Protein backbone atom coordinates (compact mmCIF):
# COMPACT_ATOMS: atom_id res chain seq x y z
CA MET A 1 -140.88 22.88 17.57
CA LYS A 2 -138.23 24.07 19.95
CA GLU A 3 -140.32 23.14 22.83
CA GLU A 4 -141.05 19.59 21.67
CA GLU A 5 -137.17 19.06 21.05
CA GLU A 6 -136.37 20.24 24.57
CA LYS A 7 -138.96 17.80 25.91
CA GLU A 8 -137.44 14.90 23.89
CA LYS A 9 -134.03 15.69 25.22
CA SER A 10 -135.04 15.95 28.77
CA GLY A 11 -136.88 12.53 28.46
CA SER A 12 -133.91 10.86 27.01
CA SER A 13 -131.63 12.21 29.75
CA ASP A 14 -134.05 10.95 32.40
CA ASP A 15 -134.16 7.48 30.77
CA ALA A 16 -130.36 7.39 31.01
CA ASP A 17 -130.40 8.47 34.69
CA GLY A 18 -132.82 5.57 35.49
CA GLU A 19 -130.72 2.99 33.73
CA ASP A 20 -127.70 4.09 35.84
CA LYS A 21 -129.68 3.83 38.91
CA GLU A 22 -130.90 0.29 38.19
CA ASP A 23 -127.18 -0.86 37.46
CA GLU A 24 -125.95 0.63 40.92
CA ASP A 25 -128.85 -1.20 42.60
CA ASP A 26 -127.83 -4.53 40.95
CA ASP A 27 -124.11 -4.09 42.06
CA ASP A 28 -125.23 -3.47 45.69
CA LYS A 29 -127.39 -6.66 45.56
CA GLU A 30 -124.35 -8.57 44.33
CA CYS A 31 -122.18 -7.42 47.15
CA VAL A 32 -124.54 -8.03 49.84
CA GLU A 33 -124.89 -11.41 48.38
CA GLU A 34 -121.16 -12.19 48.42
CA GLU A 35 -120.85 -10.82 52.10
CA GLU A 36 -123.79 -13.17 53.14
CA GLU A 37 -122.10 -16.24 51.49
CA VAL A 38 -118.60 -15.36 53.32
CA GLU A 39 -120.56 -15.03 56.72
CA GLN A 40 -122.24 -18.40 56.00
CA VAL A 41 -118.95 -20.08 55.35
CA GLU A 42 -117.16 -18.42 58.41
CA GLU A 43 -120.20 -19.66 60.54
CA GLU A 44 -119.88 -23.19 59.30
CA ASP A 45 -116.08 -23.12 60.03
CA GLU A 46 -116.76 -21.72 63.59
CA ASP A 47 -119.42 -24.60 64.11
CA LYS A 48 -116.99 -27.31 62.94
CA GLY A 49 -114.20 -25.90 65.39
CA LYS A 50 -116.70 -25.80 68.20
CA LYS A 51 -117.65 -29.48 67.47
CA GLY A 52 -113.85 -30.49 67.33
CA LYS A 53 -112.55 -28.34 70.47
CA THR A 54 -114.27 -26.95 73.40
CA LYS A 55 -113.50 -23.37 74.12
CA LYS A 56 -111.86 -22.50 77.38
CA LEU A 57 -113.34 -19.73 79.41
CA MET A 58 -111.18 -16.96 80.85
CA ASN A 59 -110.85 -17.24 84.66
CA GLN A 60 -108.24 -16.78 87.39
CA PHE A 61 -107.01 -20.49 87.20
CA ASN A 62 -106.08 -20.91 83.52
CA PHE A 63 -105.14 -17.22 82.72
CA CYS A 64 -101.72 -16.00 82.80
CA GLU A 65 -100.45 -12.52 82.20
CA ARG A 66 -97.86 -12.05 79.39
CA GLY A 67 -95.33 -10.57 81.82
CA SER A 68 -94.93 -13.66 83.88
CA LEU A 69 -93.89 -16.02 81.18
CA THR A 70 -90.49 -13.99 80.65
CA TYR A 71 -87.12 -15.16 82.42
CA ASN A 72 -86.23 -12.61 85.04
CA ASN A 73 -82.24 -12.22 85.09
CA PRO A 74 -81.07 -12.09 88.79
CA TYR A 75 -79.57 -8.66 89.77
CA ARG A 76 -75.77 -8.67 89.88
CA GLU A 77 -73.09 -6.20 90.66
CA VAL A 78 -69.78 -5.74 88.89
CA THR A 79 -68.01 -7.52 91.91
CA THR A 80 -70.32 -10.47 91.90
CA GLN A 81 -70.25 -12.56 88.71
CA THR A 82 -71.09 -15.99 90.11
CA ILE A 83 -74.39 -17.79 89.80
CA PRO A 84 -76.29 -17.70 93.16
CA PRO A 85 -76.92 -21.28 94.76
CA PRO A 86 -80.00 -23.02 93.85
CA ARG A 87 -82.98 -22.55 96.15
CA ASP A 88 -85.64 -24.87 97.13
CA THR A 89 -88.75 -24.81 99.35
CA TYR A 90 -89.29 -27.28 102.26
CA ASN A 91 -92.54 -27.72 104.09
CA ASP A 92 -93.18 -29.80 107.13
CA TYR A 93 -95.27 -29.81 110.33
CA VAL A 94 -94.07 -28.83 113.82
CA THR A 95 -96.14 -30.06 116.52
CA GLN A 96 -95.48 -30.69 120.24
CA TRP A 97 -95.10 -34.63 119.85
CA ILE A 98 -92.67 -34.16 116.84
CA ILE A 99 -90.32 -31.92 119.01
CA TYR A 100 -90.70 -34.35 121.89
CA ASP A 101 -89.81 -37.33 119.82
CA ALA A 102 -86.69 -35.47 118.43
CA TYR A 103 -85.40 -34.50 121.76
CA CYS A 104 -85.81 -38.28 123.02
CA ILE A 105 -83.70 -39.46 119.86
CA ASP A 106 -80.95 -36.72 120.67
CA TYR A 107 -80.82 -37.78 124.35
CA GLU A 108 -80.46 -41.48 123.39
CA ASN A 109 -77.52 -40.64 121.21
CA GLN A 110 -75.81 -38.68 123.78
CA GLN A 111 -76.11 -41.51 126.21
CA ARG A 112 -74.50 -43.85 123.82
CA GLU A 113 -71.54 -41.63 123.10
CA ARG A 114 -70.90 -41.18 126.92
CA ASP A 115 -71.12 -45.04 127.32
CA LYS A 116 -68.37 -45.34 124.58
CA GLU A 117 -66.16 -42.85 126.04
CA LYS A 118 -66.23 -44.60 129.54
CA GLN A 119 -65.31 -47.79 127.92
CA ALA A 120 -62.44 -46.30 125.94
CA LYS A 121 -60.84 -44.51 129.07
CA VAL A 122 -57.83 -46.32 130.46
CA THR A 123 -56.24 -45.20 133.67
CA VAL A 124 -52.55 -44.51 133.24
CA LEU A 125 -50.25 -43.59 136.08
CA LYS A 126 -48.12 -40.43 135.27
CA ASN A 127 -44.57 -40.19 136.11
CA PRO A 128 -43.71 -36.93 137.78
CA LEU A 129 -40.09 -37.04 136.66
CA ILE A 130 -41.22 -37.00 132.88
CA ASP A 131 -42.90 -34.00 131.54
CA THR A 132 -45.34 -35.26 129.03
CA LYS A 133 -46.21 -31.62 127.65
CA LYS A 134 -44.42 -30.83 124.56
CA LYS A 135 -42.82 -27.42 124.92
CA GLN A 136 -42.69 -25.44 121.75
CA PRO A 137 -39.53 -23.24 121.38
CA LYS A 138 -39.64 -19.58 121.54
CA GLY A 139 -40.40 -17.87 118.20
CA PHE A 140 -42.55 -21.00 116.91
CA LEU A 141 -45.15 -19.83 114.44
CA GLU A 142 -48.46 -21.89 113.49
CA PRO A 143 -48.82 -22.68 109.84
CA SER A 144 -51.65 -20.08 109.48
CA VAL A 145 -49.49 -17.40 111.04
CA SER A 146 -46.53 -18.18 108.84
CA LYS A 147 -48.70 -18.18 105.67
CA MET A 148 -50.00 -14.76 106.55
CA LEU A 149 -46.45 -13.39 107.26
CA HIS A 150 -45.34 -14.84 103.85
CA ALA A 151 -48.16 -13.07 102.07
CA ALA A 152 -47.43 -9.76 103.87
CA LYS A 153 -43.74 -10.14 102.77
CA VAL A 154 -44.59 -10.51 99.20
CA LEU A 155 -46.69 -7.47 99.41
CA GLU A 156 -43.79 -5.61 101.00
CA ARG A 157 -41.42 -6.67 98.13
CA MET A 158 -44.00 -5.33 95.52
CA CYS A 159 -44.31 -1.99 97.27
CA ASN A 160 -40.49 -1.67 97.57
CA GLN A 161 -40.05 -2.62 93.99
CA ASN A 162 -42.44 0.18 92.80
CA THR A 163 -40.87 2.67 95.27
CA PHE A 164 -37.13 1.90 94.50
CA ASP A 165 -37.49 1.24 90.76
CA ASP A 166 -35.44 4.23 89.67
CA ILE A 167 -32.60 3.32 92.06
CA ALA A 168 -32.61 -0.18 90.74
CA GLN A 169 -32.34 1.12 87.23
CA ASP A 170 -29.36 3.37 88.09
CA PHE A 171 -27.73 0.33 89.89
CA ARG A 172 -27.81 -1.55 86.69
CA TYR A 173 -27.64 0.92 83.88
CA TYR A 174 -26.17 4.27 85.19
CA GLU A 175 -23.24 5.68 83.33
CA ASP A 176 -21.50 8.98 84.01
CA ILE A 177 -20.51 10.79 80.85
CA SER A 178 -17.94 12.77 82.77
CA ASP A 179 -15.76 9.44 83.17
CA GLU A 180 -14.19 10.14 79.80
CA PHE A 181 -12.36 13.27 81.19
CA ARG A 182 -11.09 11.52 84.29
CA ASP A 183 -8.04 9.40 84.13
CA GLY A 184 -8.23 6.60 86.68
CA GLU A 185 -10.97 8.46 88.69
CA GLY A 186 -14.63 7.44 88.94
CA THR A 187 -17.74 8.99 90.59
CA LEU A 188 -19.60 7.47 93.58
CA LEU A 189 -23.33 7.45 93.11
CA PRO A 190 -25.17 6.90 96.42
CA LEU A 191 -28.14 4.36 95.88
CA TRP A 192 -29.76 2.58 98.82
CA LYS A 193 -29.73 3.49 102.51
CA PHE A 194 -30.18 0.62 105.01
CA SER A 195 -31.02 1.36 108.51
CA TYR A 196 -32.86 -0.21 111.50
CA GLU A 197 -34.43 1.74 114.25
CA ASN A 198 -32.92 -0.38 117.29
CA THR A 199 -29.24 -0.17 115.91
CA LYS A 200 -28.80 3.47 115.58
CA LYS A 201 -26.77 3.88 118.82
CA TYR A 202 -24.38 1.19 117.77
CA GLN A 203 -21.37 1.17 115.48
CA VAL A 204 -21.07 -1.19 112.46
CA THR A 205 -18.34 -3.61 113.20
CA PHE A 206 -18.45 -5.91 110.30
CA LEU A 207 -20.06 -6.40 106.85
CA LYS A 208 -19.96 -9.20 104.29
CA TRP A 209 -21.75 -10.39 101.27
CA HIS A 210 -23.47 -13.71 101.13
CA PRO A 211 -21.59 -16.36 99.20
CA HIS A 212 -24.65 -17.81 97.47
CA TYR A 213 -27.13 -15.02 97.35
CA TYR A 214 -25.65 -12.10 95.55
CA ASP A 215 -28.29 -9.52 96.65
CA LEU A 216 -27.97 -10.48 100.43
CA PHE A 217 -25.35 -9.11 102.82
CA GLY A 218 -24.91 -9.20 106.52
CA ILE A 219 -24.11 -6.37 109.14
CA SER A 220 -23.10 -6.79 112.68
CA PHE A 221 -23.60 -4.09 115.23
CA GLY A 222 -21.37 -3.50 118.36
CA SER A 223 -19.10 -0.97 119.73
CA PHE A 224 -15.34 -0.25 119.41
CA ASP A 225 -15.41 1.85 122.56
CA PHE A 226 -13.52 -0.60 124.90
CA LEU A 227 -13.52 1.59 127.95
CA LYS A 228 -17.37 0.90 128.19
CA LYS A 229 -18.68 -2.69 128.41
CA CYS A 230 -21.01 -3.35 125.34
CA SER A 231 -23.83 -5.31 126.96
CA GLU A 232 -25.89 -5.72 123.61
CA GLY A 233 -25.47 -6.33 120.05
CA TYR A 234 -27.21 -7.04 116.90
CA ILE A 235 -26.80 -9.21 113.72
CA SER A 236 -28.94 -8.37 110.64
CA LEU A 237 -29.20 -9.51 107.11
CA PHE A 238 -30.35 -6.87 104.38
CA SER A 239 -31.43 -7.51 100.83
CA LEU A 240 -31.29 -5.10 97.85
CA LYS A 241 -34.83 -6.09 97.08
CA ASN A 242 -36.00 -4.82 100.43
CA PRO A 243 -34.08 -1.80 101.87
CA SER A 244 -36.69 -0.72 104.31
CA PHE A 245 -36.42 -3.57 106.79
CA PRO A 246 -33.86 -6.29 107.46
CA GLU A 247 -34.56 -9.83 106.17
CA TYR A 248 -33.24 -11.24 109.44
CA ILE A 249 -32.64 -9.43 112.74
CA ASN A 250 -31.35 -11.04 116.05
CA ASN A 251 -30.37 -9.49 119.42
CA VAL A 252 -27.55 -10.99 121.60
CA LYS A 253 -26.20 -9.98 125.04
CA SER A 254 -22.83 -8.89 123.91
CA GLY A 255 -21.62 -6.82 120.94
CA VAL A 256 -21.10 -8.64 117.72
CA MET A 257 -17.66 -8.04 116.41
CA CYS A 258 -17.49 -10.31 113.46
CA PHE A 259 -19.48 -13.23 111.62
CA ASP A 260 -19.10 -15.58 108.71
CA PHE A 261 -21.46 -17.59 106.44
CA HIS A 262 -20.87 -21.40 105.85
CA HIS A 263 -20.16 -22.07 102.27
CA THR A 264 -21.80 -25.57 102.24
CA HIS A 265 -24.64 -24.84 104.60
CA SER A 266 -25.67 -21.40 103.50
CA SER A 267 -28.26 -20.88 106.20
CA PHE A 268 -25.74 -21.26 109.00
CA MET A 269 -23.97 -18.16 110.37
CA ALA A 270 -21.40 -17.97 113.15
CA ILE A 271 -20.85 -14.68 114.94
CA GLY A 272 -18.01 -13.65 117.31
CA LEU A 273 -18.84 -11.64 120.32
CA TYR A 274 -17.21 -9.05 122.41
CA ASP A 275 -17.07 -11.34 125.42
CA GLY A 276 -15.06 -13.97 123.46
CA SER A 277 -17.92 -16.50 122.79
CA VAL A 278 -19.00 -18.01 119.40
CA ARG A 279 -22.54 -18.59 118.47
CA VAL A 280 -24.06 -20.22 115.47
CA PHE A 281 -27.54 -19.38 114.03
CA ASN A 282 -29.64 -20.96 111.48
CA THR A 283 -31.22 -18.01 109.67
CA ALA A 284 -33.66 -20.27 107.72
CA LEU A 285 -35.67 -20.83 111.20
CA SER A 286 -37.86 -18.46 112.69
CA ILE A 287 -36.40 -19.27 116.22
CA LYS A 288 -33.81 -16.61 117.48
CA GLN A 289 -31.98 -18.96 119.78
CA PRO A 290 -28.66 -20.01 118.63
CA GLN A 291 -28.32 -23.68 117.42
CA TYR A 292 -24.81 -24.07 118.92
CA ARG A 293 -22.75 -22.01 121.36
CA SER A 294 -19.45 -21.96 122.85
CA ASP A 295 -19.72 -19.57 125.79
CA SER A 296 -18.46 -21.48 128.90
CA ILE A 297 -15.29 -20.57 130.71
CA LEU A 298 -13.24 -23.38 129.17
CA ASN A 299 -14.57 -23.06 125.46
CA LYS A 300 -14.72 -19.38 124.86
CA HIS A 301 -11.77 -17.13 124.18
CA GLN A 302 -10.36 -14.85 126.80
CA GLY A 303 -10.39 -11.68 124.53
CA VAL A 304 -12.48 -10.29 121.71
CA VAL A 305 -13.10 -12.61 118.78
CA TRP A 306 -12.10 -10.42 115.69
CA GLU A 307 -12.62 -12.76 112.92
CA LEU A 308 -14.47 -16.02 111.97
CA VAL A 309 -13.86 -18.22 109.12
CA ALA A 310 -16.04 -21.26 107.93
CA HIS A 311 -14.37 -24.66 107.15
CA ALA A 312 -15.17 -27.09 104.37
CA SER A 313 -16.46 -29.99 106.33
CA HIS A 314 -16.14 -33.45 104.88
CA PHE A 315 -18.18 -35.11 107.69
CA THR A 316 -22.05 -35.44 107.96
CA ARG A 317 -24.25 -32.58 107.02
CA THR A 318 -24.95 -31.84 110.61
CA GLU A 319 -21.35 -30.78 111.38
CA VAL A 320 -20.36 -27.17 110.78
CA THR A 321 -17.00 -26.10 111.72
CA PHE A 322 -15.80 -22.56 112.14
CA SER A 323 -12.33 -21.02 113.19
CA SER A 324 -12.16 -18.00 115.39
CA LEU A 325 -9.30 -15.61 115.59
CA VAL A 326 -7.86 -13.65 118.43
CA PRO A 327 -4.46 -12.16 118.71
CA LYS A 328 -1.71 -14.89 118.61
CA ARG A 329 -4.31 -17.63 118.76
CA VAL A 330 -6.55 -19.55 116.31
CA ARG A 331 -9.28 -21.93 117.69
CA SER A 332 -11.14 -24.25 115.54
CA THR A 333 -14.60 -25.20 117.04
CA ASN A 334 -16.87 -27.99 115.96
CA ALA A 335 -20.38 -26.50 116.06
CA VAL A 336 -22.14 -29.84 116.90
CA ARG A 337 -20.25 -30.46 120.16
CA CYS A 338 -19.21 -26.83 120.81
CA ILE A 339 -15.66 -27.87 122.02
CA PRO A 340 -12.35 -26.70 120.70
CA VAL A 341 -10.83 -29.17 118.18
CA CYS A 342 -7.30 -27.57 117.78
CA ILE A 343 -5.28 -24.67 119.10
CA CYS A 344 -2.21 -23.21 117.52
CA ALA A 345 -0.13 -20.12 118.34
CA SER A 346 0.71 -17.35 115.94
CA THR A 347 2.72 -14.22 116.22
CA ARG A 348 0.68 -12.60 113.65
CA PRO A 349 -3.17 -12.26 113.24
CA THR A 350 -3.34 -14.96 110.68
CA ILE A 351 -5.85 -17.81 110.18
CA CYS A 352 -5.07 -21.47 110.34
CA LEU A 353 -7.45 -23.37 107.83
CA SER A 354 -8.00 -27.16 108.30
CA MET A 355 -10.49 -29.62 106.78
CA GLY A 356 -13.04 -30.78 109.15
């Protein structure tokens, strides 16, 4: 009995396994059928696309790499921020006959220009008594050179401003605390030192501030040793903005004993010399030659010119009048004509002022 029961159980289990295998086979068949249907649909789509568009073949003419489609930024440094100029390619043929034709055209153009020059030339007789060449005065500077000097002057001002900044601050804002304990006494604080290499062997004969520019002053260099003849002198203008070098420097053939600025024409400056002559300079010009002078035997003083005073002129702008002072004599000189206008005697070293 037991054996029969075991056979029945084993038979039932075999039947169940057979049914499972049949189910799996059915599922596999369904999946294969679905895949075949999908492939058929895709093939139909591909056939439709092939009928609508022809497929391009990959070759060296219609194939581009991906890297060639990107935009390459030009290489630039920090100092170069500008866009480079556009470039273009130009193609042409160069043959022997093309070169020959170009030379022929150029030769014809040169011949035409020579004919025009010959027709335009007119013979003019030169007068040997008249000098047609324009002589430029000494010290004349071309515009390009003057611009370069102006730029160098600005750079010099900037360097001096940074170098002497502490001195400029002391000049405006320095206060000595010890002044509270000194009745009527003060302290002397040295600030700038003005010097010029060529004037070290001369003595400072006169110093005066400019009437219009409050940071500008003039210094004259000569000698008080009257036993020796002073054959050279200097007149210079210094500015507080540039202590390293004078703003204006001029050399004369006699010692400069005094000078004065004109109140109306601020650029004009008259100097009195050791030999008794008077000269007027225009400091606004780069020319070092005097604009007016009175150094002849009849117009100059017999002694040293100790002082000069500018007059307020009511004539035209070109007239500048100064008065020079020597012991017991005052002479008024018109700078336009450089002749004495009036002479008056004085027992004391006084100055006679007159209009015009």
